[in-house]
Protein backbone atom coordinates (compact mmCIF):
# COMPACT_ATOMS: atom_id res chain seq x y z
CA MET A 1 -143.06 -65.81 155.43
CA THR A 2 -140.34 -67.52 157.13
CA ILE A 3 -139.16 -70.58 154.89
CA LEU A 4 -137.81 -73.19 156.78
CA THR A 5 -134.67 -75.14 155.69
CA THR A 6 -133.89 -78.84 156.24
CA SER A 7 -131.69 -77.89 159.02
CA ASP A 8 -134.33 -75.64 160.70
CA ARG A 9 -136.75 -78.57 160.71
CA ALA A 10 -134.38 -81.39 161.80
CA PRO A 11 -133.76 -81.69 165.54
CA ARG A 12 -130.35 -80.45 167.12
CA THR A 13 -128.79 -82.81 169.29
CA GLY A 14 -125.31 -81.49 169.43
CA ALA A 15 -123.30 -78.54 169.21
CA GLY A 16 -122.68 -76.76 165.86
CA GLY A 17 -125.78 -78.42 164.40
CA GLU A 18 -124.16 -81.83 164.07
CA GLY A 19 -127.26 -83.69 164.72
CA ALA A 20 -129.04 -81.96 162.08
CA ALA A 21 -126.73 -83.35 159.38
CA SER A 22 -127.42 -86.79 160.81
CA ALA A 23 -130.85 -86.58 161.13
CA VAL A 24 -131.56 -85.99 157.50
CA PRO A 25 -131.59 -89.40 155.42
CA SER A 26 -129.27 -89.77 152.85
CA THR A 27 -130.82 -89.61 149.28
CA ALA A 28 -127.77 -91.43 147.77
CA HIS A 29 -128.61 -94.04 145.25
CA THR A 30 -127.97 -97.46 146.31
CA PRO A 31 -126.57 -99.34 143.53
CA THR A 32 -128.11 -102.50 142.31
CA PRO A 33 -125.99 -105.63 143.26
CA THR A 34 -124.15 -107.27 140.23
CA GLY A 35 -125.18 -110.62 141.79
CA SER A 36 -128.88 -109.61 141.01
CA LYS A 37 -128.51 -108.90 137.57
CA THR A 38 -126.73 -112.12 137.00
CA TRP A 39 -129.59 -113.85 138.91
CA ASN A 40 -132.18 -112.16 136.44
CA ARG A 41 -130.52 -113.25 133.65
CA LEU A 42 -130.19 -117.01 134.61
CA SER A 43 -133.99 -116.57 135.49
CA ALA A 44 -134.95 -115.38 132.32
CA VAL A 45 -133.11 -118.48 130.64
CA ALA A 46 -134.46 -120.84 133.09
CA ARG A 47 -137.92 -120.06 132.18
CA TYR A 48 -137.22 -121.93 128.96
CA TYR A 49 -135.91 -125.19 130.74
CA PRO A 50 -139.05 -127.25 129.56
CA VAL A 51 -137.91 -126.89 125.97
CA PHE A 52 -134.45 -127.85 126.46
CA LEU A 53 -135.70 -130.89 128.77
CA ILE A 54 -137.74 -132.21 125.92
CA PHE A 55 -134.93 -131.98 123.46
CA LEU A 56 -132.79 -133.82 126.01
CA ILE A 57 -135.34 -136.48 126.33
CA TRP A 58 -135.93 -136.77 122.58
CA GLU A 59 -132.11 -137.30 122.23
CA VAL A 60 -131.71 -139.83 124.81
CA LEU A 61 -134.76 -141.67 123.61
CA SER A 62 -133.74 -141.73 120.02
CA ARG A 63 -130.17 -142.92 121.01
CA LEU A 64 -131.89 -145.78 122.91
CA ASN A 65 -134.01 -146.78 120.16
CA VAL A 66 -137.12 -146.29 121.89
CA LEU A 67 -138.29 -143.87 119.41
CA ASP A 68 -138.82 -144.82 115.84
CA PRO A 69 -136.18 -143.07 113.61
CA MET A 70 -138.67 -142.77 110.76
CA PHE A 71 -140.83 -140.75 112.87
CA MET A 72 -138.49 -139.19 115.35
CA PRO A 73 -134.88 -139.25 114.32
CA PRO A 74 -132.12 -138.18 116.78
CA LEU A 75 -131.91 -134.46 117.34
CA GLU A 76 -128.22 -134.83 115.99
CA ASP A 77 -129.59 -135.55 112.51
CA VAL A 78 -132.13 -132.86 112.40
CA ALA A 79 -129.36 -130.44 113.40
CA ARG A 80 -127.12 -131.50 110.75
CA THR A 81 -129.88 -131.34 108.14
CA PHE A 82 -130.54 -127.88 109.30
CA TYR A 83 -126.91 -126.94 108.72
CA GLN A 84 -126.93 -128.53 105.32
CA GLN A 85 -130.13 -126.75 104.21
CA VAL A 86 -128.91 -123.38 105.52
CA PHE A 87 -125.18 -123.23 104.96
CA VAL A 88 -124.68 -125.54 102.17
CA THR A 89 -127.66 -125.76 99.93
CA HIS A 90 -129.47 -122.49 100.93
CA GLU A 91 -132.92 -124.12 100.47
CA LEU A 92 -134.01 -123.76 103.67
CA LEU A 93 -133.49 -119.94 103.49
CA SER A 94 -135.61 -119.72 100.30
CA HIS A 95 -138.69 -121.56 101.65
CA ILE A 96 -138.47 -119.11 104.66
CA GLU A 97 -138.40 -116.16 102.67
CA VAL A 98 -141.50 -117.44 100.68
CA SER A 99 -143.46 -118.34 103.70
CA PHE A 100 -142.52 -115.24 105.76
CA MET A 101 -143.24 -112.93 102.71
CA ARG A 102 -146.91 -114.55 102.11
CA ALA A 103 -147.62 -114.40 105.99
CA GLY A 104 -146.46 -110.88 106.38
CA MET A 105 -148.44 -109.59 103.38
CA GLY A 106 -151.57 -111.27 104.69
CA LEU A 107 -150.94 -109.88 108.40
CA GLY A 108 -150.09 -106.64 107.17
CA LEU A 109 -153.07 -105.96 105.08
CA ALA A 110 -155.23 -107.58 108.13
CA ALA A 111 -153.92 -105.18 110.33
CA VAL A 112 -154.45 -102.29 108.31
CA VAL A 113 -158.07 -103.16 107.42
CA GLY A 114 -158.76 -104.57 110.65
CA ILE A 115 -157.61 -101.52 112.94
CA ALA A 116 -159.32 -99.05 110.67
CA ALA A 117 -162.65 -100.98 110.77
CA GLY A 118 -162.28 -101.44 114.56
CA ILE A 119 -161.76 -97.78 115.00
CA LEU A 120 -164.89 -96.97 112.73
CA MET A 121 -167.05 -99.46 114.54
CA GLY A 122 -166.16 -98.16 117.73
CA ARG A 123 -166.86 -94.64 116.89
CA ILE A 124 -169.80 -94.70 114.12
CA ARG A 125 -172.84 -96.59 115.18
CA ALA A 126 -173.97 -97.15 111.32
CA VAL A 127 -170.83 -98.77 110.76
CA GLU A 128 -170.99 -100.98 113.86
CA SER A 129 -174.61 -101.96 113.03
CA PHE A 130 -173.51 -103.03 109.53
CA LEU A 131 -170.38 -105.00 110.19
CA ASP A 132 -171.07 -106.38 113.54
CA PRO A 133 -173.54 -109.35 112.12
CA LEU A 134 -170.91 -110.21 109.52
CA ILE A 135 -168.33 -110.51 111.80
CA SER A 136 -170.24 -112.42 114.26
CA ALA A 137 -171.35 -114.97 111.33
CA LEU A 138 -167.89 -115.25 109.88
CA PHE A 139 -165.60 -115.20 112.95
CA PRO A 140 -166.56 -118.87 113.82
CA THR A 141 -166.20 -120.05 110.34
CA PRO A 142 -163.18 -122.31 109.99
CA LYS A 143 -160.93 -120.24 107.55
CA LEU A 144 -159.25 -123.53 106.15
CA ALA A 145 -162.55 -124.66 104.88
CA LEU A 146 -162.88 -121.58 102.42
CA PHE A 147 -159.23 -122.08 100.92
CA PRO A 148 -160.68 -124.27 98.34
CA LEU A 149 -162.92 -121.45 97.23
CA MET A 150 -160.34 -118.91 97.29
CA MET A 151 -158.22 -121.38 94.92
CA ILE A 152 -161.12 -121.28 92.45
CA PHE A 153 -161.07 -117.47 92.41
CA LEU A 154 -157.49 -116.81 92.93
CA GLY A 155 -155.60 -119.73 91.81
CA ILE A 156 -152.89 -121.95 93.84
CA GLY A 157 -150.56 -119.00 93.85
CA ASP A 158 -149.53 -116.56 96.33
CA ALA A 159 -152.98 -114.54 96.21
CA SER A 160 -155.21 -117.52 97.51
CA LYS A 161 -152.73 -117.91 100.13
CA ILE A 162 -152.47 -114.32 101.28
CA ALA A 163 -156.35 -113.99 101.11
CA LEU A 164 -156.76 -116.85 103.48
CA ILE A 165 -153.96 -115.40 106.07
CA PHE A 166 -155.93 -111.94 105.66
CA LEU A 167 -158.99 -113.51 106.32
CA GLY A 168 -157.87 -115.50 109.30
CA CYS A 169 -156.13 -112.40 110.82
CA PHE A 170 -158.65 -109.82 110.37
CA PHE A 171 -161.15 -111.02 112.74
CA PRO A 172 -159.03 -110.93 116.02
CA ILE A 173 -157.50 -107.73 114.97
CA VAL A 174 -160.78 -105.81 114.26
CA ILE A 175 -162.54 -107.38 117.53
CA ASN A 176 -159.75 -106.50 119.69
CA THR A 177 -159.65 -103.09 118.26
CA TYR A 178 -163.24 -102.49 118.62
CA THR A 179 -163.14 -103.63 122.07
CA GLY A 180 -160.23 -101.36 122.90
CA VAL A 181 -162.26 -98.14 121.48
CA LYS A 182 -165.26 -99.05 123.40
CA ASN A 183 -163.19 -99.07 126.66
CA VAL A 184 -161.53 -95.80 126.14
CA ASP A 185 -162.37 -93.68 129.31
CA LYS A 186 -165.14 -91.47 128.67
CA PHE A 187 -163.72 -88.80 130.68
CA PHE A 188 -160.61 -88.50 128.31
CA VAL A 189 -162.99 -88.18 125.13
CA TRP A 190 -165.16 -85.53 127.02
CA ASN A 191 -162.13 -83.58 128.15
CA ALA A 192 -160.75 -83.67 124.48
CA LEU A 193 -164.13 -82.49 123.27
CA THR A 194 -164.65 -79.73 125.57
CA LYS A 195 -161.09 -78.24 124.62
CA GLY A 196 -161.90 -78.05 121.08
CA ALA A 197 -160.42 -81.23 119.67
CA SER A 198 -161.83 -82.33 116.15
CA GLN A 199 -162.88 -85.84 115.60
CA ARG A 200 -159.52 -86.55 113.71
CA GLN A 201 -157.58 -85.31 116.66
CA LEU A 202 -159.68 -87.09 119.10
CA ILE A 203 -159.03 -90.34 117.14
CA TRP A 204 -155.30 -89.82 116.71
CA HIS A 205 -154.35 -88.32 119.89
CA VAL A 206 -157.01 -90.18 122.44
CA ILE A 207 -158.67 -93.14 120.95
CA ILE A 208 -155.81 -94.74 119.16
CA PRO A 209 -153.15 -94.50 122.25
CA ALA A 210 -155.62 -95.50 124.77
CA SER A 211 -156.83 -98.73 122.56
CA LEU A 212 -153.12 -99.83 121.68
CA PRO A 213 -153.02 -102.43 124.32
CA PHE A 214 -155.88 -104.11 122.94
CA VAL A 215 -154.60 -103.61 119.33
CA PHE A 216 -151.45 -105.39 120.18
CA ALA A 217 -153.40 -108.25 121.89
CA GLY A 218 -155.01 -108.85 118.57
CA LEU A 219 -151.98 -108.65 116.81
CA ARG A 220 -150.40 -111.42 118.83
CA VAL A 221 -153.29 -113.82 118.20
CA ALA A 222 -153.17 -112.81 114.77
CA THR A 223 -149.60 -113.60 114.29
CA SER A 224 -150.02 -117.18 115.44
CA THR A 225 -153.02 -117.39 113.23
CA ALA A 226 -150.91 -116.39 110.31
CA PHE A 227 -148.21 -118.87 110.92
CA LEU A 228 -150.90 -121.76 111.27
CA LEU A 229 -152.68 -120.91 108.11
CA ILE A 230 -149.55 -120.38 105.79
CA VAL A 231 -148.39 -123.64 106.65
CA ALA A 232 -151.87 -125.38 106.08
CA SER A 233 -152.30 -123.63 102.86
CA GLU A 234 -148.83 -124.45 101.64
CA LEU A 235 -149.31 -128.34 102.81
CA ILE A 236 -152.52 -128.37 100.58
CA ALA A 237 -151.17 -126.40 97.34
CA ALA A 238 -147.74 -124.92 96.96
CA ASN A 239 -144.58 -125.47 94.95
CA ASP A 240 -142.46 -123.75 97.67
CA GLY A 241 -142.47 -122.58 101.26
CA LEU A 242 -142.18 -124.38 104.59
CA GLY A 243 -145.50 -126.31 104.47
CA TYR A 244 -144.58 -127.63 101.02
CA LEU A 245 -141.02 -128.58 102.43
CA ILE A 246 -142.82 -130.37 105.17
CA MET A 247 -144.84 -132.33 102.77
CA PHE A 248 -142.18 -132.95 100.34
CA ALA A 249 -139.96 -134.28 103.33
CA GLU A 250 -142.75 -136.64 104.55
CA ARG A 251 -143.21 -137.94 101.08
CA SER A 252 -139.44 -138.55 100.34
CA PHE A 253 -139.14 -140.46 103.73
CA ASP A 254 -136.87 -137.82 105.28
CA PRO A 255 -137.89 -137.58 108.81
CA ALA A 256 -134.95 -135.27 109.72
CA LEU A 257 -135.92 -132.66 107.04
CA MET A 258 -139.59 -132.77 108.21
CA TRP A 259 -138.68 -131.99 111.54
CA CYS A 260 -136.37 -129.37 110.58
CA GLY A 261 -139.30 -127.37 108.82
CA ILE A 262 -141.49 -128.01 112.01
CA LEU A 263 -138.83 -126.78 114.29
CA VAL A 264 -138.15 -123.58 112.07
CA ILE A 265 -141.82 -122.48 111.98
CA ALA A 266 -142.04 -122.94 115.73
CA GLY A 267 -138.95 -120.98 116.18
CA MET A 268 -140.23 -118.17 113.71
CA GLY A 269 -143.54 -118.06 115.48
CA PHE A 270 -141.92 -117.99 118.92
CA ALA A 271 -139.31 -114.98 117.85
CA VAL A 272 -142.11 -112.81 116.41
CA ASP A 273 -144.35 -113.29 119.70
CA ARG A 274 -141.26 -112.44 121.72
CA LEU A 275 -140.55 -109.27 119.51
CA LEU A 276 -144.21 -108.13 120.11
CA LEU A 277 -144.11 -108.79 123.74
CA ALA A 278 -140.94 -106.69 124.08
CA LEU A 279 -142.28 -103.78 122.11
CA GLY A 280 -145.54 -103.85 123.94
CA ALA A 281 -143.48 -103.73 127.37
CA ARG A 282 -141.65 -100.63 126.18
CA LEU A 283 -144.86 -98.70 124.67
CA PHE A 284 -147.02 -99.72 127.57
CA VAL A 285 -144.78 -99.30 130.59
CA TRP A 286 -147.49 -96.71 132.01
CA GLN A 287 -150.16 -99.58 132.12
CA ASP A 288 -148.03 -101.00 135.09
CA LYS A 289 -148.67 -97.65 137.07
């Protein structure tokens, strides 16, 4: 069998085969212009222009005395309070640490239990039949309405707040995990079973990887829920934490400190959400393909 080379396939238009070389398209990689990279960075920053615009309007209206300083102090005062709380007294850091610990423990427990329950519901019909009615009944219930009951049984310390966050974060995680398991392509499951995979191997190597995008979606919803519930619970009953700091500032007629706590909570939630998005973009590159 004769093997044709590139020069054999290309048309010869000149002596010495010069046309062959010119007929083959160049495969050299064209470098991305530096200007496009700069434009991409600017575009990424420009996506957040509404936030900067809101801050600008806030500062201008405060300086013009359009906004009541008892409700909306100048942004400069909020920044000065933030600096004092972080770098001078360090009080804000301790409140952030406490709130983050409570939210992290509740969210972590909800992730472990919710993912496990979602996988079991998706794979075992008896577990699905048992848990589905309970989830359908409890999911629409406002979790904050159960907080007084939790304080009666668990006290006003960390346990009741962690339990509230666990309950609020459990449902979006278990529902999304269950949906992901149910949406795994049956061909992948059949292919693994025909090759002799055990149920344990099937779950670890097929079910979990295929349902991870759904799990991450549930984690994003649960993360925002965790921040919402930790602040609400600390507003109701706490001696520390960001929610307590906001309530203390409101009762002390210190609007700059109050807004400092609010903006810190918003920034923490935004940072964690962006972190999850970046992690998901790296893990699920294959989704775009």
